[in-house]
């Protein structure tokens, strides 16, 4: 606009082409006479012939225009580069790649020895429909005494059925995308075993010097049992009926027999995983010294040789097959360093387990007032800090408690174990709700690769567990794990907190406020009875540059 005005002014003043050779100046004047009229006089002036001047632009203006164009181009180029850098570096949604089959899964456990392979084959469809399971977890399949202690490792107990029946069960399970796991006791044999012979005493752990030491089992009883047959003491760390005797892994024949037994199962059956019972008790102090209160290193458990045995077992088993670290090994295991050693290489799992079922994170004592202590222990553990998976299990017979417990556990990283003898009393409605939560956990990316944040509400028995992932809706379970009805207000850190959707609830009489798909305002208090829970989801806030992505 300024440029146009400038050109117009220039044309008016200097750039008009004058073609005439001369100009006449016309003037008008009036006489003083009464009847005088205007007198017109022509004065001729010499005109100056001006050259025809072209329209020109000053040099400084040309330069300004060029500079302005260059600046504009550079700004556009810079903005484009900025956008590319933002797209490349700004945090985006983590790709939801493949996850292990056992993540967010259900292990249906048969801890008793009252099943038969053919019966399980017939009922496996029903179990899958009722419990949405991904694995059948069976008690030891090896021959055992009436007291439940192993007689040998490389054979099947005939009370379950034969090889063909087991293979039929495995085939049917695999057709339904269900895995078969089995307990594998490693630490001892029954006194009724053919291995127990006066002529083969080196196969077991004896105290030939008569020094019984001060070693005790978890019942605080001496682990040394006197044998009238051998007139000395043998080591028994588990059996309360004195039917078991610890084997001596420092005898190479014992070590090789154990490794060969895994080869037997791997060769003859497509077992998908093993629960290693007693792995931390495999070796004990060679000199059988007394334990002292100020000694941080146990002389009965977690010796270096235990980890070497674990690595050797893993070398016999495909890394795609799962190894469990069972609760029998975790009576006092809360040491992060020990757990790291059992896990081994966390990327390839070579020489280590994938899942641990530790007593610190199980509900065991029915007399406990609530489950808060279990989740508090978990929040202070290496599993929560480093996103390590955990196998959650319960020993409770209360179906309401178990539903709330398992619903919360499915929001965490790992799997749940439902014991058919303890949790079979779930109502159809409870099974359906768990089925829905399992479906969320297995299909939604926010559960597979999202972050987990657990909060224990101060001075309450309430726990919230939130799953969040960039680009996905936030999901949260709010559960009252205490024995009393309570009311609390849950503060959401971000998102549209006045339009939160209820995804699922076990509230007995939800009414219109807590019914599925209803929208609630989280600034209002929520009231839950004992073991009631709400599962909600909401859209996160959009801030900053995230809107471009």
Foldseek 3Di string as FASTA:
>chain_A
DVVVVVLVVCCVPPQPADDDQWDKDWDWDWDPDPPTDIDIDIDTDGDDHDDRDDRDDDPVVVVVVVVVVVVVVVVVVVVVVVVVVCVVPPDDFDDLDDDFPQKLFEEAEAQDDQEALQVCLVCVVVCCVLFVGQEYEYEAQADADPLRFHQAQQAGHPNRHHLVSNQSSQVSCVVVNHAYEYEDEDWKGFCPHPCNDPVNVLFFAWDVVQCQACDAEPVSHRQWDADPVNRGTFGHRDDPVPGIGTTQVVPVVNLVRVLVSLVSCVVRHPHQEYEYACLQQNDFAPVNHHDDPPDPDHRRGLDPVSLVSLLSNLVSPDLSGFYEHEQNRAPPDQDQVSQCSQQDPVPSSRSHGQEYAHPLQEAEDPPDQFCQSNVVSVCPGPCQVVVGAYEYEYPALDQLLVLLSQLVCSQGIYYYYHYCVRNVPHDSVSSVQSVVSSCCCVPPSLNSPWHWDKDCDPPFQWIKIWGDTPPDWIKIKIWRGGQAKDKDQDDDPFADQAFKFWQDWPAPCCPQARDHRHGHRSRDIDIDGHSIMTMIIGHGDDDDPNVVD
